[in-house]
Amino acid sequence: MIATGQRRRVDVHDDRGSVTVWAISATVACVLIIGLVIDGGTMLRARSDAFALASSAARAGAQELDSASAVQGLTVLDPVAAERAALDYLAAHGATGTVAVTDETITVTVTSATSLQLLRLAGAETASFTATSTVNIVKVELP
C-alpha cells in the first residue's frame, strides 16, 4: 500500500522485452544467412553440373563425323548423328536440352533446376540455370 503523500515510482524507461525482440531478429537473420550459404552452395554446384553436362554432351556429339567427308580428309560433322549422340548423352544423365549442329560446330544448351532447402522459408522453391557449350571440331595435322 502506498501511504498518503508518497508517490508510486514509475520507470518511464522500462525496457523489458527489448532483448527478446533483438534475439528473435538476430535468430531470423542467422537462419537466412545459413540458408544463403547452404542453398548458395547448392546453386553453384547445380550451375557447375549444368555446364559440365552441356560440355560433355557437345563433346559426345562432336565425335560423330560425316563418313564421306572423312574419307576425303575433311572434318565435317554428321548433323543427324551428332545431334542424336548429344541428346542421347543428355537423356542418359536425366537431362534435356537443345542441340544445334553446323558443319564444324556443335552447340548444346542445357536447362537444369535445383530444389532449395532453407530459402523456401523466404519463398524460393527452386533455382533454374541455363548452360551452353560449343565445341568446334578441328583436323589435327601431323608434323
N, C-alpha and C. Protein backbone atom coordinates (compact mmCIF):
# COMPACT_ATOMS: atom_id res chain seq x y z
N MET A 1 0.82 -1.17 0.00
CA MET A 1 0.00 0.00 0.00
C MET A 1 0.87 1.23 0.00
N ILE A 2 0.34 2.22 -0.64
CA ILE A 2 1.06 3.48 -0.72
C ILE A 2 0.49 4.40 0.33
N ALA A 3 1.39 4.91 1.13
CA ALA A 3 0.97 5.83 2.18
C ALA A 3 0.65 7.17 1.56
N THR A 4 -0.14 7.91 2.28
CA THR A 4 -0.51 9.23 1.80
C THR A 4 0.73 10.09 1.71
N GLY A 5 0.83 10.80 0.63
CA GLY A 5 1.97 11.68 0.43
C GLY A 5 3.11 11.01 -0.31
N GLN A 6 3.04 9.70 -0.49
CA GLN A 6 4.08 9.01 -1.25
C GLN A 6 3.56 8.72 -2.65
N ARG A 7 4.41 8.89 -3.56
CA ARG A 7 4.05 8.58 -4.94
C ARG A 7 4.65 7.24 -5.34
N ARG A 8 3.93 6.59 -6.19
CA ARG A 8 4.43 5.33 -6.72
C ARG A 8 5.42 5.65 -7.82
N ARG A 9 6.56 5.03 -7.75
CA ARG A 9 7.61 5.31 -8.73
C ARG A 9 7.35 4.48 -9.98
N VAL A 10 7.24 5.18 -11.10
CA VAL A 10 7.03 4.53 -12.39
C VAL A 10 8.26 4.80 -13.24
N ASP A 11 8.87 3.73 -13.71
CA ASP A 11 10.07 3.88 -14.56
C ASP A 11 9.62 4.09 -15.99
N VAL A 12 9.87 5.26 -16.48
CA VAL A 12 9.45 5.62 -17.83
C VAL A 12 10.27 4.87 -18.87
N HIS A 13 11.46 4.50 -18.55
CA HIS A 13 12.37 3.85 -19.49
C HIS A 13 12.41 2.34 -19.27
N ASP A 14 11.29 1.74 -19.13
CA ASP A 14 11.19 0.29 -18.92
C ASP A 14 11.53 -0.41 -20.23
N ASP A 15 12.58 -1.23 -20.22
CA ASP A 15 13.00 -1.89 -21.45
C ASP A 15 12.84 -3.40 -21.38
N ARG A 16 11.93 -3.87 -20.57
CA ARG A 16 11.69 -5.29 -20.50
C ARG A 16 11.14 -5.78 -21.84
N GLY A 17 11.72 -6.89 -22.37
CA GLY A 17 11.27 -7.47 -23.63
C GLY A 17 12.05 -7.00 -24.84
N SER A 18 12.85 -5.98 -24.69
CA SER A 18 13.60 -5.49 -25.86
C SER A 18 14.68 -6.47 -26.29
N VAL A 19 15.25 -7.21 -25.37
CA VAL A 19 16.25 -8.20 -25.71
C VAL A 19 15.60 -9.36 -26.47
N THR A 20 14.38 -9.66 -26.12
CA THR A 20 13.66 -10.73 -26.81
C THR A 20 13.44 -10.37 -28.28
N VAL A 21 13.03 -9.17 -28.54
CA VAL A 21 12.83 -8.73 -29.91
C VAL A 21 14.16 -8.77 -30.67
N TRP A 22 15.22 -8.31 -30.06
CA TRP A 22 16.53 -8.33 -30.69
C TRP A 22 16.97 -9.77 -30.95
N ALA A 23 16.79 -10.66 -29.99
CA ALA A 23 17.22 -12.05 -30.14
C ALA A 23 16.44 -12.75 -31.26
N ILE A 24 15.16 -12.49 -31.36
CA ILE A 24 14.36 -13.09 -32.42
C ILE A 24 14.83 -12.57 -33.78
N SER A 25 15.07 -11.28 -33.87
CA SER A 25 15.55 -10.69 -35.13
C SER A 25 16.91 -11.27 -35.51
N ALA A 26 17.80 -11.40 -34.56
CA ALA A 26 19.12 -11.94 -34.84
C ALA A 26 19.04 -13.41 -35.26
N THR A 27 18.16 -14.17 -34.63
CA THR A 27 17.98 -15.58 -34.99
C THR A 27 17.46 -15.72 -36.41
N VAL A 28 16.47 -14.94 -36.77
CA VAL A 28 15.93 -14.99 -38.13
C VAL A 28 17.01 -14.60 -39.14
N ALA A 29 17.78 -13.57 -38.84
CA ALA A 29 18.86 -13.16 -39.74
C ALA A 29 19.90 -14.26 -39.89
N CYS A 30 20.25 -14.93 -38.81
CA CYS A 30 21.23 -16.02 -38.87
C CYS A 30 20.71 -17.19 -39.69
N VAL A 31 19.43 -17.53 -39.53
CA VAL A 31 18.85 -18.62 -40.32
C VAL A 31 18.87 -18.26 -41.81
N LEU A 32 18.56 -17.03 -42.15
CA LEU A 32 18.60 -16.62 -43.55
C LEU A 32 20.02 -16.64 -44.11
N ILE A 33 20.99 -16.24 -43.32
CA ILE A 33 22.38 -16.27 -43.77
C ILE A 33 22.84 -17.71 -43.96
N ILE A 34 22.48 -18.58 -43.03
CA ILE A 34 22.83 -20.00 -43.17
C ILE A 34 22.14 -20.57 -44.41
N GLY A 35 20.90 -20.16 -44.65
CA GLY A 35 20.18 -20.59 -45.85
C GLY A 35 20.87 -20.14 -47.12
N LEU A 36 21.37 -18.91 -47.12
CA LEU A 36 22.11 -18.42 -48.28
C LEU A 36 23.39 -19.22 -48.51
N VAL A 37 24.06 -19.58 -47.45
CA VAL A 37 25.30 -20.34 -47.59
C VAL A 37 25.00 -21.75 -48.10
N ILE A 38 24.05 -22.43 -47.48
CA ILE A 38 23.74 -23.81 -47.89
C ILE A 38 23.14 -23.83 -49.29
N ASP A 39 22.10 -23.04 -49.50
CA ASP A 39 21.44 -23.05 -50.80
C ASP A 39 22.29 -22.38 -51.87
N GLY A 40 23.12 -21.44 -51.49
CA GLY A 40 24.05 -20.85 -52.44
C GLY A 40 25.04 -21.88 -52.95
N GLY A 41 25.53 -22.73 -52.06
CA GLY A 41 26.41 -23.82 -52.47
C GLY A 41 25.69 -24.81 -53.37
N THR A 42 24.44 -25.10 -53.06
CA THR A 42 23.63 -25.99 -53.89
C THR A 42 23.46 -25.40 -55.29
N MET A 43 23.20 -24.09 -55.35
CA MET A 43 23.01 -23.44 -56.65
C MET A 43 24.31 -23.43 -57.45
N LEU A 44 25.44 -23.16 -56.80
CA LEU A 44 26.72 -23.16 -57.51
C LEU A 44 27.05 -24.54 -58.07
N ARG A 45 26.76 -25.56 -57.28
CA ARG A 45 27.03 -26.92 -57.74
C ARG A 45 26.12 -27.28 -58.91
N ALA A 46 24.84 -26.93 -58.83
CA ALA A 46 23.91 -27.22 -59.92
C ALA A 46 24.31 -26.49 -61.20
N ARG A 47 24.76 -25.27 -61.06
CA ARG A 47 25.21 -24.49 -62.22
C ARG A 47 26.45 -25.13 -62.84
N SER A 48 27.39 -25.53 -62.01
CA SER A 48 28.60 -26.18 -62.49
C SER A 48 28.27 -27.51 -63.18
N ASP A 49 27.36 -28.28 -62.58
CA ASP A 49 26.94 -29.55 -63.17
C ASP A 49 26.27 -29.34 -64.53
N ALA A 50 25.48 -28.27 -64.66
CA ALA A 50 24.81 -27.99 -65.93
C ALA A 50 25.84 -27.68 -67.01
N PHE A 51 26.86 -26.89 -66.67
CA PHE A 51 27.91 -26.58 -67.65
C PHE A 51 28.71 -27.83 -68.01
N ALA A 52 29.01 -28.67 -67.04
CA ALA A 52 29.75 -29.91 -67.31
C ALA A 52 28.92 -30.84 -68.20
N LEU A 53 27.63 -30.92 -67.94
CA LEU A 53 26.75 -31.77 -68.74
C LEU A 53 26.65 -31.27 -70.18
N ALA A 54 26.51 -29.95 -70.34
CA ALA A 54 26.45 -29.38 -71.69
C ALA A 54 27.75 -29.62 -72.44
N SER A 55 28.87 -29.45 -71.77
CA SER A 55 30.17 -29.67 -72.41
C SER A 55 30.38 -31.12 -72.80
N SER A 56 30.02 -32.03 -71.92
CA SER A 56 30.19 -33.45 -72.21
C SER A 56 29.28 -33.89 -73.36
N ALA A 57 28.06 -33.40 -73.38
CA ALA A 57 27.14 -33.75 -74.47
C ALA A 57 27.65 -33.20 -75.80
N ALA A 58 28.20 -32.00 -75.77
CA ALA A 58 28.75 -31.41 -77.00
C ALA A 58 29.95 -32.22 -77.49
N ARG A 59 30.79 -32.67 -76.56
CA ARG A 59 31.93 -33.49 -76.96
C ARG A 59 31.48 -34.85 -77.52
N ALA A 60 30.44 -35.41 -76.93
CA ALA A 60 29.91 -36.68 -77.44
C ALA A 60 29.38 -36.50 -78.86
N GLY A 61 28.70 -35.40 -79.11
CA GLY A 61 28.19 -35.14 -80.44
C GLY A 61 29.30 -34.85 -81.44
N ALA A 62 30.38 -34.24 -80.98
CA ALA A 62 31.49 -33.88 -81.87
C ALA A 62 32.26 -35.11 -82.36
N GLN A 63 32.00 -36.24 -81.77
CA GLN A 63 32.66 -37.47 -82.21
C GLN A 63 32.04 -38.04 -83.49
N GLU A 64 30.88 -37.54 -83.85
CA GLU A 64 30.13 -38.08 -84.99
C GLU A 64 30.49 -37.33 -86.26
N LEU A 65 31.51 -37.80 -86.94
CA LEU A 65 31.95 -37.18 -88.19
C LEU A 65 31.22 -37.78 -89.39
N ASP A 66 31.08 -36.97 -90.41
CA ASP A 66 30.49 -37.44 -91.67
C ASP A 66 31.48 -38.37 -92.35
N SER A 67 31.07 -39.61 -92.60
CA SER A 67 31.98 -40.63 -93.16
C SER A 67 32.50 -40.25 -94.54
N ALA A 68 31.63 -39.76 -95.41
CA ALA A 68 32.04 -39.41 -96.77
C ALA A 68 33.09 -38.30 -96.76
N SER A 69 32.91 -37.33 -95.89
CA SER A 69 33.87 -36.23 -95.79
C SER A 69 35.17 -36.69 -95.16
N ALA A 70 35.09 -37.60 -94.19
CA ALA A 70 36.29 -38.10 -93.52
C ALA A 70 37.17 -38.86 -94.48
N VAL A 71 36.58 -39.59 -95.43
CA VAL A 71 37.36 -40.32 -96.42
C VAL A 71 38.16 -39.35 -97.28
N GLN A 72 37.61 -38.18 -97.53
CA GLN A 72 38.28 -37.17 -98.33
C GLN A 72 39.26 -36.33 -97.51
N GLY A 73 39.36 -36.62 -96.22
CA GLY A 73 40.29 -35.88 -95.37
C GLY A 73 39.70 -34.62 -94.77
N LEU A 74 38.39 -34.45 -94.84
CA LEU A 74 37.73 -33.27 -94.30
C LEU A 74 37.13 -33.58 -92.92
N THR A 75 37.06 -32.57 -92.10
CA THR A 75 36.42 -32.74 -90.79
C THR A 75 35.08 -32.02 -90.82
N VAL A 76 34.03 -32.80 -91.05
CA VAL A 76 32.68 -32.27 -91.12
C VAL A 76 31.81 -33.17 -90.26
N LEU A 77 30.96 -32.55 -89.45
CA LEU A 77 30.05 -33.32 -88.59
C LEU A 77 28.89 -33.89 -89.39
N ASP A 78 28.46 -35.08 -88.98
CA ASP A 78 27.20 -35.64 -89.47
C ASP A 78 26.12 -35.03 -88.58
N PRO A 79 25.31 -34.09 -89.10
CA PRO A 79 24.41 -33.34 -88.23
C PRO A 79 23.38 -34.21 -87.51
N VAL A 80 22.86 -35.21 -88.19
CA VAL A 80 21.84 -36.06 -87.56
C VAL A 80 22.47 -36.92 -86.47
N ALA A 81 23.59 -37.55 -86.77
CA ALA A 81 24.25 -38.41 -85.78
C ALA A 81 24.79 -37.60 -84.60
N ALA A 82 25.32 -36.41 -84.89
CA ALA A 82 25.86 -35.57 -83.81
C ALA A 82 24.75 -35.12 -82.86
N GLU A 83 23.63 -34.70 -83.43
CA GLU A 83 22.51 -34.28 -82.59
C GLU A 83 21.98 -35.45 -81.77
N ARG A 84 21.85 -36.60 -82.40
CA ARG A 84 21.35 -37.79 -81.71
C ARG A 84 22.30 -38.19 -80.57
N ALA A 85 23.61 -38.15 -80.83
CA ALA A 85 24.58 -38.53 -79.80
C ALA A 85 24.52 -37.57 -78.61
N ALA A 86 24.41 -36.28 -78.89
CA ALA A 86 24.34 -35.30 -77.80
C ALA A 86 23.05 -35.46 -77.00
N LEU A 87 21.93 -35.63 -77.68
CA LEU A 87 20.64 -35.80 -76.98
C LEU A 87 20.60 -37.12 -76.20
N ASP A 88 21.21 -38.17 -76.77
CA ASP A 88 21.29 -39.45 -76.05
C ASP A 88 22.12 -39.31 -74.78
N TYR A 89 23.21 -38.55 -74.88
CA TYR A 89 24.05 -38.32 -73.69
C TYR A 89 23.25 -37.59 -72.61
N LEU A 90 22.52 -36.56 -73.01
CA LEU A 90 21.71 -35.83 -72.04
C LEU A 90 20.66 -36.72 -71.42
N ALA A 91 19.99 -37.52 -72.25
CA ALA A 91 18.94 -38.42 -71.75
C ALA A 91 19.51 -39.45 -70.78
N ALA A 92 20.71 -39.95 -71.07
CA ALA A 92 21.34 -40.93 -70.18
C ALA A 92 21.65 -40.34 -68.82
N HIS A 93 21.79 -39.02 -68.76
CA HIS A 93 22.09 -38.36 -67.49
C HIS A 93 20.86 -37.64 -66.91
N GLY A 94 19.69 -37.94 -67.45
CA GLY A 94 18.45 -37.40 -66.90
C GLY A 94 18.23 -35.92 -67.16
N ALA A 95 18.76 -35.43 -68.26
CA ALA A 95 18.64 -34.00 -68.58
C ALA A 95 18.03 -33.84 -69.96
N THR A 96 17.55 -32.65 -70.22
CA THR A 96 17.05 -32.32 -71.54
C THR A 96 17.75 -31.05 -72.00
N GLY A 97 17.74 -30.86 -73.30
CA GLY A 97 18.38 -29.67 -73.82
C GLY A 97 18.15 -29.56 -75.31
N THR A 98 18.80 -28.59 -75.89
CA THR A 98 18.71 -28.38 -77.33
C THR A 98 20.10 -28.50 -77.94
N VAL A 99 20.13 -28.90 -79.21
CA VAL A 99 21.39 -29.10 -79.91
C VAL A 99 21.31 -28.40 -81.26
N ALA A 100 22.35 -27.65 -81.59
CA ALA A 100 22.46 -27.01 -82.90
C ALA A 100 23.78 -27.47 -83.52
N VAL A 101 23.70 -27.98 -84.75
CA VAL A 101 24.87 -28.51 -85.41
C VAL A 101 25.09 -27.80 -86.74
N THR A 102 26.32 -27.37 -86.98
CA THR A 102 26.72 -26.88 -88.29
C THR A 102 27.81 -27.82 -88.81
N ASP A 103 28.46 -27.48 -89.89
CA ASP A 103 29.49 -28.36 -90.46
C ASP A 103 30.61 -28.68 -89.47
N GLU A 104 31.08 -27.68 -88.73
CA GLU A 104 32.23 -27.88 -87.85
C GLU A 104 31.98 -27.51 -86.40
N THR A 105 30.72 -27.24 -86.04
CA THR A 105 30.41 -26.77 -84.68
C THR A 105 29.16 -27.46 -84.16
N ILE A 106 29.20 -27.81 -82.89
CA ILE A 106 28.00 -28.32 -82.22
C ILE A 106 27.82 -27.50 -80.94
N THR A 107 26.60 -27.02 -80.72
CA THR A 107 26.28 -26.23 -79.54
C THR A 107 25.16 -26.92 -78.79
N VAL A 108 25.39 -27.16 -77.52
CA VAL A 108 24.40 -27.82 -76.66
C VAL A 108 24.00 -26.85 -75.56
N THR A 109 22.70 -26.70 -75.36
CA THR A 109 22.17 -25.85 -74.29
C THR A 109 21.35 -26.73 -73.35
N VAL A 110 21.68 -26.66 -72.08
CA VAL A 110 21.01 -27.46 -71.05
C VAL A 110 20.37 -26.52 -70.05
N THR A 111 19.14 -26.83 -69.66
CA THR A 111 18.47 -26.09 -68.60
C THR A 111 18.25 -27.06 -67.44
N SER A 112 18.73 -26.68 -66.28
CA SER A 112 18.55 -27.54 -65.12
C SER A 112 17.98 -26.73 -63.97
N ALA A 113 17.37 -27.43 -63.04
CA ALA A 113 16.79 -26.79 -61.86
C ALA A 113 17.23 -27.55 -60.62
N THR A 114 17.31 -26.85 -59.52
CA THR A 114 17.65 -27.48 -58.26
C THR A 114 16.68 -27.00 -57.19
N SER A 115 16.36 -27.89 -56.28
CA SER A 115 15.45 -27.54 -55.18
C SER A 115 16.25 -26.87 -54.06
N LEU A 116 15.67 -25.84 -53.52
CA LEU A 116 16.31 -25.13 -52.41
C LEU A 116 15.77 -25.67 -51.09
N GLN A 117 16.58 -25.59 -50.05
CA GLN A 117 16.19 -26.15 -48.76
C GLN A 117 15.73 -25.08 -47.79
N LEU A 118 16.66 -24.28 -47.34
CA LEU A 118 16.31 -23.30 -46.30
C LEU A 118 15.70 -22.03 -46.85
N LEU A 119 16.00 -21.69 -48.08
CA LEU A 119 15.44 -20.47 -48.64
C LEU A 119 13.97 -20.62 -49.02
N ARG A 120 13.42 -21.82 -48.85
CA ARG A 120 11.98 -21.99 -49.01
C ARG A 120 11.22 -21.16 -48.00
N LEU A 121 11.84 -20.94 -46.87
CA LEU A 121 11.21 -20.11 -45.84
C LEU A 121 11.01 -18.68 -46.33
N ALA A 122 11.87 -18.26 -47.26
CA ALA A 122 11.76 -16.91 -47.82
C ALA A 122 10.96 -16.91 -49.12
N GLY A 123 10.42 -18.07 -49.51
CA GLY A 123 9.56 -18.14 -50.68
C GLY A 123 10.23 -18.64 -51.95
N ALA A 124 11.49 -19.01 -51.89
CA ALA A 124 12.19 -19.51 -53.09
C ALA A 124 12.17 -21.03 -53.08
N GLU A 125 11.45 -21.63 -54.02
CA GLU A 125 11.34 -23.09 -54.09
C GLU A 125 12.49 -23.72 -54.86
N THR A 126 12.75 -23.19 -56.07
CA THR A 126 13.78 -23.76 -56.93
C THR A 126 14.60 -22.65 -57.57
N ALA A 127 15.73 -23.05 -58.12
CA ALA A 127 16.57 -22.15 -58.90
C ALA A 127 16.88 -22.84 -60.23
N SER A 128 16.76 -22.11 -61.34
CA SER A 128 17.00 -22.67 -62.67
C SER A 128 18.26 -22.08 -63.27
N PHE A 129 18.93 -22.90 -64.07
CA PHE A 129 20.17 -22.49 -64.72
C PHE A 129 20.16 -22.94 -66.17
N THR A 130 20.71 -22.13 -67.03
CA THR A 130 20.88 -22.48 -68.43
C THR A 130 22.37 -22.44 -68.73
N ALA A 131 22.87 -23.54 -69.28
CA ALA A 131 24.29 -23.64 -69.61
C ALA A 131 24.43 -23.98 -71.08
N THR A 132 25.34 -23.32 -71.74
CA THR A 132 25.58 -23.57 -73.16
C THR A 132 27.05 -23.87 -73.38
N SER A 133 27.31 -24.88 -74.21
CA SER A 133 28.68 -25.24 -74.54
C SER A 133 28.77 -25.44 -76.04
N THR A 134 29.82 -24.93 -76.63
CA THR A 134 30.06 -25.07 -78.06
C THR A 134 31.40 -25.76 -78.28
N VAL A 135 31.39 -26.76 -79.15
CA VAL A 135 32.61 -27.48 -79.49
C VAL A 135 32.85 -27.31 -80.98
N ASN A 136 34.06 -26.89 -81.32
CA ASN A 136 34.48 -26.79 -82.71
C ASN A 136 35.40 -27.96 -83.03
N ILE A 137 35.11 -28.66 -84.10
CA ILE A 137 35.98 -29.76 -84.46
C ILE A 137 37.12 -29.22 -85.32
N VAL A 138 38.28 -29.80 -85.13
CA VAL A 138 39.44 -29.38 -85.91
C VAL A 138 40.19 -30.63 -86.37
N LYS A 139 40.82 -30.49 -87.49
CA LYS A 139 41.66 -31.57 -88.01
C LYS A 139 43.07 -31.32 -87.52
N VAL A 140 43.63 -32.31 -86.89
CA VAL A 140 44.99 -32.20 -86.38
C VAL A 140 45.95 -32.76 -87.43
N GLU A 141 46.82 -31.93 -87.90
CA GLU A 141 47.81 -32.34 -88.90
C GLU A 141 49.05 -32.83 -88.18
N LEU A 142 49.57 -33.95 -88.61
CA LEU A 142 50.81 -34.47 -88.03
C LEU A 142 51.98 -33.67 -88.58
N PRO A 143 53.00 -33.43 -87.75
CA PRO A 143 54.14 -32.64 -88.21
C PRO A 143 54.98 -33.33 -89.26
